[in-house]
Protein backbone atom coordinates (compact mmCIF):
# COMPACT_ATOMS: atom_id res chain seq x y z
CA MET A 1 64.76 85.93 89.55
CA THR A 2 61.98 88.46 89.06
CA LEU A 3 62.46 91.62 87.00
CA LEU A 4 62.53 93.69 90.20
CA GLY A 5 65.16 91.39 91.65
CA ARG A 6 67.32 91.75 88.55
CA LEU A 7 66.99 95.53 88.62
CA LEU A 8 68.03 95.61 92.26
CA ALA A 9 70.86 93.14 91.76
CA GLU A 10 72.38 95.05 88.85
CA PRO A 11 73.33 98.16 90.92
CA LEU A 12 74.70 95.86 93.62
CA ARG A 13 76.96 94.12 91.11
CA ARG A 14 77.99 97.46 89.63
CA ASP A 15 78.84 98.82 93.09
CA ARG A 16 80.95 95.77 93.87
CA VAL A 17 82.86 96.21 90.61
CA VAL A 18 83.41 99.94 91.12
CA VAL A 19 84.41 99.70 94.77
CA GLY A 20 86.49 96.58 94.21
CA ALA A 21 88.30 98.12 91.25
CA THR A 22 88.98 101.31 93.23
CA LEU A 23 90.45 99.35 96.12
CA ALA A 24 92.52 97.24 93.73
CA ILE A 25 93.93 100.34 92.01
CA LEU A 26 94.74 102.05 95.32
CA GLY A 27 96.40 98.91 96.61
CA ALA A 28 98.39 98.39 93.41
CA LEU A 29 99.62 101.98 93.43
CA ALA A 30 100.60 101.73 97.08
CA TRP A 31 102.50 98.49 96.50
CA ALA A 32 104.20 99.93 93.41
CA TYR A 33 105.39 103.00 95.31
CA THR A 34 106.50 100.90 98.29
CA GLY A 35 108.41 98.60 95.98
CA PHE A 36 110.04 101.57 94.27
CA LEU A 37 111.20 103.00 97.60
CA ALA A 38 112.55 99.62 98.70
CA TRP A 39 114.40 99.22 95.40
CA GLN A 40 115.89 102.70 95.73
CA MET A 41 117.18 101.97 99.23
CA GLU A 42 118.61 98.60 98.20
CA ARG A 43 120.29 100.13 95.14
CA ILE A 44 121.91 102.85 97.24
CA GLY A 45 123.04 100.33 99.83
CA THR A 46 124.49 97.75 97.43
CA SER A 47 125.82 99.74 94.48
CA ALA A 48 127.21 102.83 96.13
CA PRO A 49 130.96 103.17 95.44
CA PRO A 50 133.35 103.31 98.40
CA ASP A 51 133.90 107.04 98.03
CA MET A 52 130.20 107.56 98.75
CA ALA A 53 130.45 106.00 102.21
CA ALA A 54 131.31 109.28 103.87
CA GLU A 55 128.51 111.06 102.03
CA MET A 56 125.99 108.42 103.06
CA ALA A 57 127.18 108.61 106.67
CA GLY A 58 126.72 112.35 106.52
CA MET A 59 123.20 111.91 105.19
CA TRP A 60 122.44 109.55 108.07
CA MET A 61 123.73 112.07 110.58
CA ALA A 62 121.50 114.68 108.98
CA MET A 63 118.53 112.37 109.36
CA ALA A 64 119.32 112.10 113.08
CA ALA A 65 119.29 115.90 113.39
CA PRO A 66 116.00 117.81 113.72
CA TRP A 67 113.98 117.09 110.60
CA SER A 68 112.72 119.81 108.33
CA ALA A 69 109.03 120.05 107.49
CA ALA A 70 109.77 118.42 104.13
CA GLN A 71 111.55 115.48 105.79
CA TRP A 72 108.66 114.97 108.19
CA GLY A 73 106.24 115.04 105.28
CA LEU A 74 108.24 112.54 103.26
CA MET A 75 108.56 110.13 106.18
CA ILE A 76 104.87 110.30 107.02
CA VAL A 77 103.99 109.74 103.36
CA MET A 78 106.39 106.78 103.22
CA TRP A 79 104.79 105.16 106.25
CA PHE A 80 101.26 105.94 105.09
CA VAL A 81 101.72 104.46 101.63
CA MET A 82 103.26 101.39 103.24
CA MET A 83 100.26 101.05 105.58
CA VAL A 84 97.83 101.41 102.69
CA ALA A 85 99.66 98.67 100.80
CA MET A 86 99.68 96.36 103.83
CA MET A 87 96.24 96.99 105.31
CA LEU A 88 93.90 97.78 102.42
CA PRO A 89 93.65 94.17 101.13
CA SER A 90 92.50 92.90 104.52
CA ALA A 91 90.07 95.82 104.91
CA ALA A 92 88.50 95.25 101.48
CA PRO A 93 85.78 92.82 102.70
CA MET A 94 84.60 95.36 105.30
CA ILE A 95 84.53 98.20 102.74
CA LEU A 96 82.71 96.05 100.18
CA THR A 97 80.20 94.99 102.85
CA PHE A 98 79.52 98.64 103.70
CA ALA A 99 78.97 99.38 100.00
CA ARG A 100 76.59 96.42 99.63
CA ILE A 101 74.49 97.33 102.67
CA ASN A 102 74.54 100.96 101.61
CA ARG A 103 73.15 100.06 98.18
CA SER A 104 70.51 97.80 99.73
CA ARG A 105 69.36 100.68 101.90
CA ALA A 106 69.22 102.92 98.82
CA ALA A 107 67.03 100.37 97.04
CA ALA A 108 64.71 100.40 100.04
CA GLY A 109 64.52 104.19 100.01
CA GLU A 110 66.55 104.62 103.21
CA PRO A 111 69.30 107.25 103.75
CA THR A 112 72.76 106.34 102.47
CA ALA A 113 76.30 107.74 102.49
CA ALA A 114 79.27 107.56 100.13
CA THR A 115 81.48 104.51 100.55
CA GLY A 116 84.45 106.79 99.96
CA LEU A 117 83.74 108.49 103.29
CA PHE A 118 83.92 105.14 105.07
CA LEU A 119 87.26 104.49 103.37
CA ALA A 120 88.48 107.99 104.24
CA GLY A 121 87.69 107.45 107.92
CA TYR A 122 89.57 104.15 107.86
CA LEU A 123 92.61 105.64 106.17
CA LEU A 124 92.67 108.64 108.52
CA VAL A 125 93.37 106.28 111.43
CA TRP A 126 96.35 104.81 109.59
CA LEU A 127 97.54 108.28 108.66
CA GLY A 128 97.66 109.03 112.38
CA PHE A 129 99.60 105.82 112.96
CA SER A 130 101.99 106.80 110.15
CA ALA A 131 102.71 110.13 111.84
CA ALA A 132 103.37 108.31 115.11
CA ALA A 133 105.62 105.78 113.36
CA ALA A 134 107.60 108.58 111.72
CA ALA A 135 108.01 110.21 115.14
CA GLY A 136 109.17 106.87 116.52
CA GLN A 137 111.67 106.51 113.70
CA PHE A 138 113.04 109.98 114.41
CA ALA A 139 113.33 109.21 118.12
CA LEU A 140 115.16 105.94 117.44
CA GLN A 141 117.61 107.61 115.07
CA THR A 142 118.20 110.47 117.47
CA ALA A 143 118.90 108.01 120.30
CA THR A 144 121.19 105.99 117.98
CA LEU A 145 118.99 102.93 118.45
CA ALA A 146 118.50 102.50 114.70
CA THR A 147 121.05 101.78 111.99
CA MET A 148 121.39 103.17 108.47
CA ASP A 149 119.17 100.41 107.07
CA MET A 150 116.43 101.56 109.48
CA THR A 151 116.56 98.55 111.80
CA VAL A 152 116.82 98.78 115.57
CA THR A 153 119.52 97.34 117.81
CA PRO A 154 119.32 93.60 118.62
CA THR A 155 118.29 94.25 122.22
CA LEU A 156 115.42 96.53 121.25
CA GLY A 157 114.51 94.27 118.35
CA GLY A 158 114.30 91.27 120.64
CA ALA A 159 112.09 93.17 123.06
CA LEU A 160 109.76 94.24 120.24
CA LEU A 161 109.49 90.67 118.95
CA ILE A 162 108.63 89.32 122.39
CA ALA A 163 106.10 92.10 122.99
CA ALA A 164 104.45 91.46 119.61
CA GLY A 165 104.37 87.72 120.26
CA LEU A 166 102.78 88.13 123.68
CA PHE A 167 100.21 90.57 122.30
CA GLN A 168 99.00 87.88 119.88
CA PHE A 169 97.61 85.97 122.88
CA THR A 170 95.85 88.87 124.60
CA ASP A 171 92.08 89.22 124.88
CA LEU A 172 92.38 92.72 123.38
CA LYS A 173 93.97 91.33 120.23
CA GLN A 174 91.35 88.62 119.89
CA ALA A 175 88.44 90.99 120.54
CA CYS A 176 89.59 93.48 117.90
CA LEU A 177 90.39 90.68 115.47
CA ALA A 178 86.86 89.34 115.91
CA LYS A 179 85.46 92.74 114.91
CA CYS A 180 87.61 92.75 111.78
CA ARG A 181 86.58 89.19 110.85
CA THR A 182 82.82 89.84 110.86
CA PRO A 183 82.12 92.61 108.32
CA VAL A 184 78.34 92.20 108.18
CA GLY A 185 78.00 92.12 111.96
CA PHE A 186 80.27 95.14 112.36
CA VAL A 187 78.46 97.29 109.78
CA ILE A 188 75.01 96.46 111.14
CA ALA A 189 76.00 96.91 114.79
CA HIS A 190 77.88 100.18 114.22
CA TRP A 191 75.70 101.74 111.53
CA ARG A 192 75.43 105.53 111.69
CA GLU A 193 73.31 107.68 109.44
CA GLY A 194 74.62 110.31 107.06
CA HIS A 195 77.96 111.23 105.58
CA ILE A 196 79.53 112.00 108.93
CA GLY A 197 78.22 108.70 110.20
CA ALA A 198 79.93 106.83 107.35
CA PHE A 199 83.20 108.61 108.08
CA VAL A 200 82.92 107.80 111.81
CA MET A 201 82.13 104.17 111.01
CA GLY A 202 85.26 103.93 108.87
CA ALA A 203 87.36 105.49 111.61
CA HIS A 204 85.78 103.14 114.13
CA HIS A 205 86.76 100.14 112.04
CA GLY A 206 90.21 101.63 111.53
CA GLY A 207 90.59 101.87 115.29
CA TYR A 208 89.82 98.19 115.77
CA CYS A 209 92.18 97.35 112.92
CA LEU A 210 94.95 99.49 114.38
CA ILE A 211 94.67 97.96 117.84
CA CYS A 212 94.65 94.50 116.28
CA CYS A 213 97.74 95.06 114.13
CA TRP A 214 99.91 97.78 115.71
CA ALA A 215 102.34 95.32 117.30
CA LEU A 216 102.91 93.54 113.98
CA MET A 217 103.47 96.89 112.25
CA ALA A 218 106.05 97.81 114.90
CA LEU A 219 108.08 94.80 113.77
CA LEU A 220 109.02 96.76 110.65
CA PHE A 221 111.56 98.48 112.91
CA VAL A 222 113.06 95.03 113.56
CA PHE A 223 113.05 93.62 110.02
CA GLY A 224 113.77 96.89 108.22
CA VAL A 225 111.32 99.69 107.54
CA MET A 226 111.68 99.26 103.77
CA ASN A 227 112.41 95.52 103.63
CA LEU A 228 109.94 94.52 100.91
CA LEU A 229 110.06 90.81 101.76
CA TRP A 230 109.05 91.39 105.38
CA ILE A 231 106.49 94.01 104.39
CA ALA A 232 104.83 91.42 102.16
CA GLY A 233 105.15 88.74 104.86
CA LEU A 234 103.49 90.87 107.53
CA ALA A 235 100.76 91.90 105.08
CA ALA A 236 100.10 88.23 104.30
CA LEU A 237 99.91 87.43 108.02
CA VAL A 238 97.39 90.22 108.62
CA LEU A 239 95.36 88.97 105.65
CA ALA A 240 95.40 85.41 106.97
CA GLU A 241 94.35 86.49 110.47
CA LYS A 242 91.37 88.41 109.15
CA LEU A 243 90.14 86.28 106.25
CA LEU A 244 91.02 82.63 106.84
CA PRO A 245 88.61 80.46 108.87
CA ALA A 246 91.35 79.69 111.41
CA GLY A 247 92.46 83.29 111.69
CA GLU A 248 92.25 83.44 115.48
CA ARG A 249 94.41 80.35 115.83
CA ILE A 250 96.85 81.65 113.24
CA ALA A 251 97.28 84.79 115.35
CA LYS A 252 98.07 82.77 118.46
CA LEU A 253 100.32 80.30 116.67
CA THR A 254 102.29 83.19 115.20
CA GLY A 255 102.95 84.52 118.68
CA LEU A 256 105.13 81.55 119.59
CA PRO A 257 107.82 81.95 116.88
CA LEU A 258 107.82 85.72 117.47
CA ILE A 259 108.59 85.19 121.14
CA GLY A 260 111.21 82.57 120.28
CA ALA A 261 112.86 84.88 117.73
CA GLY A 262 112.89 87.68 120.29
CA ILE A 263 114.58 85.52 122.91
CA TRP A 264 117.13 84.31 120.34
CA LEU A 265 117.87 87.89 119.32
CA LEU A 266 118.31 88.99 122.93
CA VAL A 267 120.63 86.11 123.70
CA GLY A 268 122.51 86.44 120.42
CA GLY A 269 122.64 90.23 120.64
């Protein structure tokens, strides 16, 4: 490699390390907080003495009443941190690709934008989803369609499983998944100049990601909003769909057991 090539490659390697380390730290913190919340809920549910049953029931009734601003904030934060933990690993290749192309443009003297703005645009989409999920949780509790462990009734759970399974086969799912699976193609095709452009690009990618994965995220209402095992399982499925060579087939194959589980739950429920 020529001296110029080494000089250009060094910033690229440094950018990959910095961006990769930042994503790893954010993901680790999100998983740590999610695990802490799940542990807290499990501890309360399994170790609470009998005389606390009435108090816990009262707390659940309070959660079904109109939430205060603080409760809304806590629920949105809970969902958002959970989404960051689940979605950031699968979004890392796209973010790293943006950083690499951004640095290449800088080396060529072309305009660039901060990678953090791309990430911020992506996360803003999932913050919006988190607010919607919190609203859905409140609606389910108010309608007594969710239990104290934050799972829905068998009938609704079966319907959600079937809907998620069917969505895995749709053209919309496959089209959005294809966008998520081709980072270089996405960044080049959707490139926008400037800081606002980077933010819009991140939000654009977040939109594709949300459409691709919203049905799977809705299954948290079936398995338990803070069930750490299922959170990890769904995160692994999203990662496999986006990163493995057979990701499209994995998505479709997953649809079959989801539909089967939904039918079983409807019949059994």
